[in-house]
Amino acid sequence: MPTSPRTIRLAPEFGCWPLWDDESGDYLDPAALPLPPALAERIARWDDAYQATLDPDYPPDSRFPDAAAEAVWRAEGEAIFEALTDLLGADRVRRRPGF
């Protein structure tokens, strides 16, 4: 199994994984990192919820179905960020502001 990059960034984007090597800018498959399987699966489910919001006809219109669904997704993102920070250390995890 590959080692973790020095710094990981949590930043959801359409069409790719939500984890990035903060130095190279490459996105990272959570299942290919040395993360606990439950956390990798949790990240994948969180990303699936984000990917489902994509409006392929006009991406700027992409959004959650309602404010409650977005709030649940944001809360899970915060919890994932905390879990990554607990696992890897605060100096090794970043996130994109505003998610």
PDB file of N, CA and C in Angstrom:
ATOM      1  N   MET A   1       0.853  -1.182   0.000  1.00  0.00           N
ATOM      2  CA  MET A   1       0.000   0.000   0.000  1.00  0.00           C
ATOM      3  C   MET A   1       0.894   1.239   0.000  1.00  0.00           C
ATOM      4  N   PRO A   2       0.555   2.248  -0.822  1.00  0.00           N
ATOM      5  CA  PRO A   2       1.398   3.445  -0.863  1.00  0.00           C
ATOM      6  C   PRO A   2       1.356   4.215   0.442  1.00  0.00           C
ATOM      7  N   THR A   3       2.363   5.012   0.635  1.00  0.00           N
ATOM      8  CA  THR A   3       2.387   5.862   1.816  1.00  0.00           C
ATOM      9  C   THR A   3       1.583   7.122   1.549  1.00  0.00           C
ATOM     10  N   SER A   4       1.206   7.792   2.623  1.00  0.00           N
ATOM     11  CA  SER A   4       0.485   9.056   2.503  1.00  0.00           C
ATOM     12  C   SER A   4       1.428  10.153   2.049  1.00  0.00           C
ATOM     13  N   PRO A   5       0.912  11.098   1.264  1.00  0.00           N
ATOM     14  CA  PRO A   5       1.723  12.278   0.975  1.00  0.00           C
ATOM     15  C   PRO A   5       1.995  13.038   2.273  1.00  0.00           C
ATOM     16  N   ARG A   6       2.942  13.924   2.232  1.00  0.00           N
ATOM     17  CA  ARG A   6       3.267  14.696   3.430  1.00  0.00           C
ATOM     18  C   ARG A   6       2.062  15.482   3.937  1.00  0.00           C
ATOM     19  N   THR A   7       1.333  16.131   3.038  1.00  0.00           N
ATOM     20  CA  THR A   7       0.161  16.908   3.424  1.00  0.00           C
ATOM     21  C   THR A   7      -1.003  16.563   2.499  1.00  0.00           C
ATOM     22  N   ILE A   8      -2.141  16.253   3.090  1.00  0.00           N
ATOM     23  CA  ILE A   8      -3.361  15.935   2.354  1.00  0.00           C
ATOM     24  C   ILE A   8      -4.320  17.110   2.481  1.00  0.00           C
ATOM     25  N   ARG A   9      -4.978  17.424   1.373  1.00  0.00           N
ATOM     26  CA  ARG A   9      -6.000  18.477   1.375  1.00  0.00           C
ATOM     27  C   ARG A   9      -7.352  17.828   1.090  1.00  0.00           C
ATOM     28  N   LEU A  10      -8.332  18.145   1.913  1.00  0.00           N
ATOM     29  CA  LEU A  10      -9.709  17.701   1.704  1.00  0.00           C
ATOM     30  C   LEU A  10     -10.418  18.806   0.936  1.00  0.00           C
ATOM     31  N   ALA A  11     -10.761  18.521  -0.318  1.00  0.00           N
ATOM     32  CA  ALA A  11     -11.348  19.542  -1.183  1.00  0.00           C
ATOM     33  C   ALA A  11     -12.197  18.854  -2.247  1.00  0.00           C
ATOM     34  N   PRO A  12     -13.497  18.737  -2.033  1.00  0.00           N
ATOM     35  CA  PRO A  12     -14.337  18.073  -3.025  1.00  0.00           C
ATOM     36  C   PRO A  12     -14.402  18.858  -4.329  1.00  0.00           C
ATOM     37  N   GLU A  13     -14.332  18.125  -5.422  1.00  0.00           N
ATOM     38  CA  GLU A  13     -14.431  18.675  -6.777  1.00  0.00           C
ATOM     39  C   GLU A  13     -15.219  17.675  -7.608  1.00  0.00           C
ATOM     40  N   PHE A  14     -15.911  18.155  -8.603  1.00  0.00           N
ATOM     41  CA  PHE A  14     -16.652  17.240  -9.473  1.00  0.00           C
ATOM     42  C   PHE A  14     -15.692  16.429 -10.333  1.00  0.00           C
ATOM     43  N   GLY A  15     -15.983  15.145 -10.437  1.00  0.00           N
ATOM     44  CA  GLY A  15     -15.239  14.278 -11.333  1.00  0.00           C
ATOM     45  C   GLY A  15     -13.935  13.719 -10.810  1.00  0.00           C
ATOM     46  N   CYS A  16     -13.639  13.904  -9.529  1.00  0.00           N
ATOM     47  CA  CYS A  16     -12.398  13.346  -8.975  1.00  0.00           C
ATOM     48  C   CYS A  16     -12.565  13.132  -7.468  1.00  0.00           C
ATOM     49  N   TRP A  17     -11.595  12.465  -6.882  1.00  0.00           N
ATOM     50  CA  TRP A  17     -11.647  12.205  -5.449  1.00  0.00           C
ATOM     51  C   TRP A  17     -11.530  13.500  -4.652  1.00  0.00           C
ATOM     52  N   PRO A  18     -12.027  13.520  -3.410  1.00  0.00           N
ATOM     53  CA  PRO A  18     -11.964  14.742  -2.601  1.00  0.00           C
ATOM     54  C   PRO A  18     -10.676  14.912  -1.800  1.00  0.00           C
ATOM     55  N   LEU A  19      -9.747  13.970  -1.929  1.00  0.00           N
ATOM     56  CA  LEU A  19      -8.458  14.092  -1.251  1.00  0.00           C
ATOM     57  C   LEU A  19      -7.387  14.399  -2.276  1.00  0.00           C
ATOM     58  N   TRP A  20      -6.466  15.303  -1.899  1.00  0.00           N
ATOM     59  CA  TRP A  20      -5.420  15.761  -2.804  1.00  0.00           C
ATOM     60  C   TRP A  20      -4.077  15.751  -2.098  1.00  0.00           C
ATOM     61  N   ASP A  21      -3.029  15.489  -2.862  1.00  0.00           N
ATOM     62  CA  ASP A  21      -1.676  15.700  -2.374  1.00  0.00           C
ATOM     63  C   ASP A  21      -1.480  17.213  -2.421  1.00  0.00           C
ATOM     64  N   ASP A  22      -1.357  17.836  -1.280  1.00  0.00           N
ATOM     65  CA  ASP A  22      -1.328  19.298  -1.203  1.00  0.00           C
ATOM     66  C   ASP A  22      -0.094  19.884  -1.880  1.00  0.00           C
ATOM     67  N   GLU A  23       0.941  19.097  -2.042  1.00  0.00           N
ATOM     68  CA  GLU A  23       2.168  19.598  -2.667  1.00  0.00           C
ATOM     69  C   GLU A  23       2.155  19.425  -4.183  1.00  0.00           C
ATOM     70  N   SER A  24       1.748  18.247  -4.664  1.00  0.00           N
ATOM     71  CA  SER A  24       1.779  17.985  -6.108  1.00  0.00           C
ATOM     72  C   SER A  24       0.499  18.423  -6.812  1.00  0.00           C
ATOM     73  N   GLY A  25      -0.612  18.492  -6.057  1.00  0.00           N
ATOM     74  CA  GLY A  25      -1.898  18.819  -6.664  1.00  0.00           C
ATOM     75  C   GLY A  25      -2.614  17.623  -7.253  1.00  0.00           C
ATOM     76  N   ASP A  26      -2.050  16.421  -7.107  1.00  0.00           N
ATOM     77  CA  ASP A  26      -2.685  15.202  -7.612  1.00  0.00           C
ATOM     78  C   ASP A  26      -3.815  14.786  -6.675  1.00  0.00           C
ATOM     79  N   TYR A  27      -4.934  14.329  -7.266  1.00  0.00           N
ATOM     80  CA  TYR A  27      -5.984  13.819  -6.385  1.00  0.00           C
ATOM     81  C   TYR A  27      -5.685  12.372  -6.023  1.00  0.00           C
ATOM     82  N   LEU A  28      -6.237  11.940  -4.887  1.00  0.00           N
ATOM     83  CA  LEU A  28      -5.875  10.672  -4.272  1.00  0.00           C
ATOM     84  C   LEU A  28      -7.107   9.827  -4.006  1.00  0.00           C
ATOM     85  N   ASP A  29      -7.041   8.574  -4.385  1.00  0.00           N
ATOM     86  CA  ASP A  29      -8.105   7.624  -4.078  1.00  0.00           C
ATOM     87  C   ASP A  29      -7.982   7.254  -2.602  1.00  0.00           C
ATOM     88  N   PRO A  30      -8.991   7.564  -1.792  1.00  0.00           N
ATOM     89  CA  PRO A  30      -8.898   7.245  -0.360  1.00  0.00           C
ATOM     90  C   PRO A  30      -8.611   5.765  -0.094  1.00  0.00           C
ATOM     91  N   ALA A  31      -9.142   4.871  -0.938  1.00  0.00           N
ATOM     92  CA  ALA A  31      -8.934   3.441  -0.734  1.00  0.00           C
ATOM     93  C   ALA A  31      -7.489   3.025  -0.985  1.00  0.00           C
ATOM     94  N   ALA A  32      -6.723   3.838  -1.704  1.00  0.00           N
ATOM     95  CA  ALA A  32      -5.327   3.513  -1.995  1.00  0.00           C
ATOM     96  C   ALA A  32      -4.365   4.081  -0.949  1.00  0.00           C
ATOM     97  N   LEU A  33      -4.882   4.829   0.005  1.00  0.00           N
ATOM     98  CA  LEU A  33      -4.048   5.415   1.058  1.00  0.00           C
ATOM     99  C   LEU A  33      -4.058   4.531   2.292  1.00  0.00           C
ATOM    100  N   PRO A  34      -3.057   4.661   3.148  1.00  0.00           N
ATOM    101  CA  PRO A  34      -3.041   3.872   4.376  1.00  0.00           C
ATOM    102  C   PRO A  34      -3.990   4.463   5.432  1.00  0.00           C
ATOM    103  N   LEU A  35      -5.264   4.485   5.093  1.00  0.00           N
ATOM    104  CA  LEU A  35      -6.314   4.952   6.003  1.00  0.00           C
ATOM    105  C   LEU A  35      -7.081   3.739   6.496  1.00  0.00           C
ATOM    106  N   PRO A  36      -7.679   3.825   7.663  1.00  0.00           N
ATOM    107  CA  PRO A  36      -8.563   2.734   8.075  1.00  0.00           C
ATOM    108  C   PRO A  36      -9.656   2.546   7.027  1.00  0.00           C
ATOM    109  N   PRO A  37      -9.967   1.316   6.670  1.00  0.00           N
ATOM    110  CA  PRO A  37     -10.977   1.079   5.635  1.00  0.00           C
ATOM    111  C   PRO A  37     -12.309   1.794   5.906  1.00  0.00           C
ATOM    112  N   ALA A  38     -12.725   1.844   7.153  1.00  0.00           N
ATOM    113  CA  ALA A  38     -13.997   2.515   7.472  1.00  0.00           C
ATOM    114  C   ALA A  38     -13.930   4.003   7.140  1.00  0.00           C
ATOM    115  N   LEU A  39     -12.790   4.645   7.380  1.00  0.00           N
ATOM    116  CA  LEU A  39     -12.655   6.065   7.060  1.00  0.00           C
ATOM    117  C   LEU A  39     -12.611   6.270   5.549  1.00  0.00           C
ATOM    118  N   ALA A  40     -11.898   5.411   4.831  1.00  0.00           N
ATOM    119  CA  ALA A  40     -11.853   5.516   3.371  1.00  0.00           C
ATOM    120  C   ALA A  40     -13.255   5.371   2.781  1.00  0.00           C
ATOM    121  N   GLU A  41     -14.035   4.445   3.301  1.00  0.00           N
ATOM    122  CA  GLU A  41     -15.412   4.249   2.832  1.00  0.00           C
ATOM    123  C   GLU A  41     -16.280   5.454   3.184  1.00  0.00           C
ATOM    124  N   ARG A  42     -16.093   5.984   4.342  1.00  0.00           N
ATOM    125  CA  ARG A  42     -16.844   7.176   4.765  1.00  0.00           C
ATOM    126  C   ARG A  42     -16.550   8.354   3.831  1.00  0.00           C
ATOM    127  N   ILE A  43     -15.293   8.539   3.472  1.00  0.00           N
ATOM    128  CA  ILE A  43     -14.907   9.604   2.545  1.00  0.00           C
ATOM    129  C   ILE A  43     -15.557   9.361   1.186  1.00  0.00           C
ATOM    130  N   ALA A  44     -15.556   8.124   0.720  1.00  0.00           N
ATOM    131  CA  ALA A  44     -16.164   7.794  -0.568  1.00  0.00           C
ATOM    132  C   ALA A  44     -17.662   8.081  -0.563  1.00  0.00           C
ATOM    133  N   ARG A  45     -18.360   7.719   0.514  1.00  0.00           N
ATOM    134  CA  ARG A  45     -19.810   8.004   0.603  1.00  0.00           C
ATOM    135  C   ARG A  45     -20.079   9.500   0.619  1.00  0.00           C
ATOM    136  N   TRP A  46     -19.246  10.245   1.366  1.00  0.00           N
ATOM    137  CA  TRP A  46     -19.388  11.703   1.430  1.00  0.00           C
ATOM    138  C   TRP A  46     -19.181  12.304   0.040  1.00  0.00           C
ATOM    139  N   ASP A  47     -18.181  11.812  -0.670  1.00  0.00           N
ATOM    140  CA  ASP A  47     -17.932  12.293  -2.020  1.00  0.00           C
ATOM    141  C   ASP A  47     -19.067  11.908  -2.967  1.00  0.00           C
ATOM    142  N   ASP A  48     -19.613  10.710  -2.829  1.00  0.00           N
ATOM    143  CA  ASP A  48     -20.751  10.301  -3.666  1.00  0.00           C
ATOM    144  C   ASP A  48     -21.910  11.277  -3.522  1.00  0.00           C
ATOM    145  N   ALA A  49     -22.162  11.722  -2.291  1.00  0.00           N
ATOM    146  CA  ALA A  49     -23.252  12.686  -2.064  1.00  0.00           C
ATOM    147  C   ALA A  49     -22.966  13.996  -2.790  1.00  0.00           C
ATOM    148  N   TYR A  50     -21.714  14.418  -2.791  1.00  0.00           N
ATOM    149  CA  TYR A  50     -21.339  15.646  -3.500  1.00  0.00           C
ATOM    150  C   TYR A  50     -21.475  15.460  -5.010  1.00  0.00           C
ATOM    151  N   GLN A  51     -20.932  14.349  -5.527  1.00  0.00           N
ATOM    152  CA  GLN A  51     -20.981  14.097  -6.964  1.00  0.00           C
ATOM    153  C   GLN A  51     -22.419  14.047  -7.478  1.00  0.00           C
ATOM    154  N   ALA A  52     -23.340  13.577  -6.642  1.00  0.00           N
ATOM    155  CA  ALA A  52     -24.750  13.475  -7.031  1.00  0.00           C
ATOM    156  C   ALA A  52     -25.405  14.843  -7.232  1.00  0.00           C
ATOM    157  N   THR A  53     -24.779  15.904  -6.760  1.00  0.00           N
ATOM    158  CA  THR A  53     -25.359  17.242  -6.915  1.00  0.00           C
ATOM    159  C   THR A  53     -25.052  17.859  -8.271  1.00  0.00           C
ATOM    160  N   LEU A  54     -24.169  17.249  -9.038  1.00  0.00           N
ATOM    161  CA  LEU A  54     -23.744  17.822 -10.314  1.00  0.00           C
ATOM    162  C   LEU A  54     -24.911  17.929 -11.292  1.00  0.00           C
ATOM    163  N   ASP A  55     -25.094  19.109 -11.850  1.00  0.00           N
ATOM    164  CA  ASP A  55     -26.023  19.316 -12.961  1.00  0.00           C
ATOM    165  C   ASP A  55     -25.177  19.254 -14.233  1.00  0.00           C
ATOM    166  N   PRO A  56     -25.174  18.113 -14.936  1.00  0.00           N
ATOM    167  CA  PRO A  56     -24.284  17.967 -16.086  1.00  0.00           C
ATOM    168  C   PRO A  56     -24.635  18.901 -17.249  1.00  0.00           C
ATOM    169  N   ASP A  57     -25.878  19.355 -17.305  1.00  0.00           N
ATOM    170  CA  ASP A  57     -26.277  20.264 -18.376  1.00  0.00           C
ATOM    171  C   ASP A  57     -25.747  21.675 -18.159  1.00  0.00           C
ATOM    172  N   TYR A  58     -25.635  22.058 -16.881  1.00  0.00           N
ATOM    173  CA  TYR A  58     -25.125  23.395 -16.562  1.00  0.00           C
ATOM    174  C   TYR A  58     -24.518  23.354 -15.163  1.00  0.00           C
ATOM    175  N   PRO A  59     -23.228  22.976 -15.064  1.00  0.00           N
ATOM    176  CA  PRO A  59     -22.584  22.784 -13.761  1.00  0.00           C
ATOM    177  C   PRO A  59     -22.743  23.937 -12.766  1.00  0.00           C
ATOM    178  N   PRO A  60     -22.800  25.212 -13.189  1.00  0.00           N
ATOM    179  CA  PRO A  60     -22.999  26.263 -12.179  1.00  0.00           C
ATOM    180  C   PRO A  60     -24.323  26.133 -11.404  1.00  0.00           C
ATOM    181  N   ASP A  61     -25.281  25.380 -11.954  1.00  0.00           N
ATOM    182  CA  ASP A  61     -26.548  25.168 -11.243  1.00  0.00           C
ATOM    183  C   ASP A  61     -26.500  23.983 -10.281  1.00  0.00           C
ATOM    184  N   SER A  62     -25.355  23.343 -10.149  1.00  0.00           N
ATOM    185  CA  SER A  62     -25.225  22.190  -9.257  1.00  0.00           C
ATOM    186  C   SER A  62     -25.443  22.623  -7.821  1.00  0.00           C
ATOM    187  N   ARG A  63     -26.266  21.842  -7.112  1.00  0.00           N
ATOM    188  CA  ARG A  63     -26.535  22.162  -5.704  1.00  0.00           C
ATOM    189  C   ARG A  63     -27.233  20.982  -5.037  1.00  0.00           C
ATOM    190  N   PHE A  64     -27.248  21.040  -3.730  1.00  0.00           N
ATOM    191  CA  PHE A  64     -27.963  20.036  -2.952  1.00  0.00           C
ATOM    192  C   PHE A  64     -29.461  20.285  -3.102  1.00  0.00           C
ATOM    193  N   PRO A  65     -30.274  19.255  -2.873  1.00  0.00           N
ATOM    194  CA  PRO A  65     -31.715  19.432  -3.071  1.00  0.00           C
ATOM    195  C   PRO A  65     -32.350  20.448  -2.118  1.00  0.00           C
ATOM    196  N   ASP A  66     -31.740  20.605  -0.936  1.00  0.00           N
ATOM    197  CA  ASP A  66     -32.267  21.587   0.019  1.00  0.00           C
ATOM    198  C   ASP A  66     -31.182  21.913   1.046  1.00  0.00           C
ATOM    199  N   ALA A  67     -31.460  22.934   1.854  1.00  0.00           N
ATOM    200  CA  ALA A  67     -30.476  23.391   2.843  1.00  0.00           C
ATOM    201  C   ALA A  67     -30.168  22.318   3.882  1.00  0.00           C
ATOM    202  N   ALA A  68     -31.155  21.520   4.233  1.00  0.00           N
ATOM    203  CA  ALA A  68     -30.932  20.472   5.238  1.00  0.00           C
ATOM    204  C   ALA A  68     -29.938  19.429   4.720  1.00  0.00           C
ATOM    205  N   ALA A  69     -30.097  19.012   3.473  1.00  0.00           N
ATOM    206  CA  ALA A  69     -29.179  18.029   2.891  1.00  0.00           C
ATOM    207  C   ALA A  69     -27.765  18.596   2.813  1.00  0.00           C
ATOM    208  N   GLU A  70     -27.645  19.860   2.470  1.00  0.00           N
ATOM    209  CA  GLU A  70     -26.324  20.485   2.416  1.00  0.00           C
ATOM    210  C   GLU A  70     -25.704  20.574   3.807  1.00  0.00           C
ATOM    211  N   ALA A  71     -26.511  20.895   4.804  1.00  0.00           N
ATOM    212  CA  ALA A  71     -26.001  20.997   6.178  1.00  0.00           C
ATOM    213  C   ALA A  71     -25.489  19.641   6.670  1.00  0.00           C
ATOM    214  N   VAL A  72     -26.203  18.577   6.355  1.00  0.00           N
ATOM    215  CA  VAL A  72     -25.768  17.229   6.740  1.00  0.00           C
ATOM    216  C   VAL A  72     -24.439  16.905   6.057  1.00  0.00           C
ATOM    217  N   TRP A  73     -24.326  17.228   4.773  1.00  0.00           N
ATOM    218  CA  TRP A  73     -23.093  16.964   4.032  1.00  0.00           C
ATOM    219  C   TRP A  73     -21.922  17.766   4.607  1.00  0.00           C
ATOM    220  N   ARG A  74     -22.157  19.040   4.908  1.00  0.00           N
ATOM    221  CA  ARG A  74     -21.096  19.872   5.480  1.00  0.00           C
ATOM    222  C   ARG A  74     -20.655  19.354   6.853  1.00  0.00           C
ATOM    223  N   ALA A  75     -21.608  18.934   7.669  1.00  0.00           N
ATOM    224  CA  ALA A  75     -21.277  18.402   8.993  1.00  0.00           C
ATOM    225  C   ALA A  75     -20.436  17.131   8.863  1.00  0.00           C
ATOM    226  N   GLU A  76     -20.774  16.290   7.910  1.00  0.00           N
ATOM    227  CA  GLU A  76     -19.987  15.071   7.697  1.00  0.00           C
ATOM    228  C   GLU A  76     -18.581  15.430   7.203  1.00  0.00           C
ATOM    229  N   GLY A  77     -18.469  16.445   6.360  1.00  0.00           N
ATOM    230  CA  GLY A  77     -17.151  16.897   5.911  1.00  0.00           C
ATOM    231  C   GLY A  77     -16.291  17.381   7.067  1.00  0.00           C
ATOM    232  N   GLU A  78     -16.905  18.116   7.982  1.00  0.00           N
ATOM    233  CA  GLU A  78     -16.181  18.569   9.178  1.00  0.00           C
ATOM    234  C   GLU A  78     -15.710  17.376  10.004  1.00  0.00           C
ATOM    235  N   ALA A  79     -16.586  16.384  10.165  1.00  0.00           N
ATOM    236  CA  ALA A  79     -16.235  15.193  10.946  1.00  0.00           C
ATOM    237  C   ALA A  79     -15.112  14.403  10.261  1.00  0.00           C
ATOM    238  N   ILE A  80     -15.142  14.314   8.946  1.00  0.00           N
ATOM    239  CA  ILE A  80     -14.079  13.633   8.203  1.00  0.00           C
ATOM    240  C   ILE A  80     -12.765  14.389   8.359  1.00  0.00           C
ATOM    241  N   PHE A  81     -12.819  15.703   8.257  1.00  0.00           N
ATOM    242  CA  PHE A  81     -11.615  16.511   8.442  1.00  0.00           C
ATOM    243  C   PHE A  81     -11.016  16.267   9.831  1.00  0.00           C
ATOM    244  N   GLU A  82     -11.859  16.240  10.844  1.00  0.00           N
ATOM    245  CA  GLU A  82     -11.383  15.973  12.204  1.00  0.00           C
ATOM    246  C   GLU A  82     -10.793  14.579  12.317  1.00  0.00           C
ATOM    247  N   ALA A  83     -11.423  13.589  11.687  1.00  0.00           N
ATOM    248  CA  ALA A  83     -10.899  12.216  11.744  1.00  0.00           C
ATOM    249  C   ALA A  83      -9.539  12.127  11.059  1.00  0.00           C
ATOM    250  N   LEU A  84      -9.396  12.789   9.910  1.00  0.00           N
ATOM    251  CA  LEU A  84      -8.096  12.809   9.234  1.00  0.00           C
ATOM    252  C   LEU A  84      -7.041  13.511  10.085  1.00  0.00           C
ATOM    253  N   THR A  85      -7.431  14.614  10.715  1.00  0.00           N
ATOM    254  CA  THR A  85      -6.508  15.359  11.571  1.00  0.00           C
ATOM    255  C   THR A  85      -6.080  14.515  12.768  1.00  0.00           C
ATOM    256  N   ASP A  86      -7.030  13.822  13.378  1.00  0.00           N
ATOM    257  CA  ASP A  86      -6.697  12.949  14.513  1.00  0.00           C
ATOM    258  C   ASP A  86      -5.742  11.840  14.087  1.00  0.00           C
ATOM    259  N   LEU A  87      -5.956  11.300  12.897  1.00  0.00           N
ATOM    260  CA  LEU A  87      -5.155  10.184  12.409  1.00  0.00           C
ATOM    261  C   LEU A  87      -3.758  10.620  11.961  1.00  0.00           C
ATOM    262  N   LEU A  88      -3.696  11.724  11.208  1.00  0.00           N
ATOM    263  CA  LEU A  88      -2.430  12.121  10.568  1.00  0.00           C
ATOM    264  C   LEU A  88      -1.707  13.257  11.266  1.00  0.00           C
ATOM    265  N   GLY A  89      -2.426  14.048  12.057  1.00  0.00           N
ATOM    266  CA  GLY A  89      -1.846  15.212  12.721  1.00  0.00           C
ATOM    267  C   GLY A  89      -2.272  16.494  12.027  1.00  0.00           C
ATOM    268  N   ALA A  90      -2.442  17.533  12.802  1.00  0.00           N
ATOM    269  CA  ALA A  90      -2.932  18.813  12.286  1.00  0.00           C
ATOM    270  C   ALA A  90      -1.997  19.425  11.253  1.00  0.00           C
ATOM    271  N   ASP A  91      -0.723  19.122  11.332  1.00  0.00           N
ATOM    272  CA  ASP A  91       0.231  19.692  10.379  1.00  0.00           C
ATOM    273  C   ASP A  91       0.225  18.975   9.030  1.00  0.00           C
ATOM    274  N   ARG A  92      -0.543  17.885   8.910  1.00  0.00           N
ATOM    275  CA  ARG A  92      -0.559  17.101   7.672  1.00  0.00           C
ATOM    276  C   ARG A  92      -1.881  17.128   6.926  1.00  0.00           C
ATOM    277  N   VAL A  93      -2.851  17.889   7.446  1.00  0.00           N
ATOM    278  CA  VAL A  93      -4.180  17.910   6.815  1.00  0.00           C
ATOM    279  C   VAL A  93      -4.622  19.352   6.612  1.00  0.00           C
ATOM    280  N   ARG A  94      -5.068  19.640   5.416  1.00  0.00           N
ATOM    281  CA  ARG A  94      -5.612  20.952   5.065  1.00  0.00           C
ATOM    282  C   ARG A  94      -7.019  20.731   4.491  1.00  0.00           C
ATOM    283  N   ARG A  95      -7.711  21.813   4.285  1.00  0.00           N
ATOM    284  CA  ARG A  95      -8.997  21.706   3.580  1.00  0.00           C
ATOM    285  C   ARG A  95      -9.237  22.968   2.787  1.00  0.00           C
ATOM    286  N   ARG A  96     -10.060  22.815   1.790  1.00  0.00           N
ATOM    287  CA  ARG A  96     -10.445  23.965   0.996  1.00  0.00           C
ATOM    288  C   ARG A  96     -11.480  24.736   1.812  1.00  0.00           C
ATOM    289  N   PRO A  97     -11.250  26.012   2.041  1.00  0.00           N
ATOM    290  CA  PRO A  97     -12.236  26.799   2.794  1.00  0.00           C
ATOM    291  C   PRO A  97     -13.587  26.807   2.078  1.00  0.00           C
ATOM    292  N   GLY A  98     -14.622  26.835   2.855  1.00  0.00           N
ATOM    293  CA  GLY A  98     -15.951  27.003   2.308  1.00  0.00           C
ATOM    294  C   GLY A  98     -16.728  25.753   1.982  1.00  0.00           C
ATOM    295  N   PHE A  99     -16.140  24.574   2.169  1.00  0.00           N
ATOM    296  CA  PHE A  99     -16.967  23.402   1.844  1.00  0.00           C
ATOM    297  C   PHE A  99     -17.835  23.070   2.978  1.00  0.00           C
TER     298      PHE A  99
END
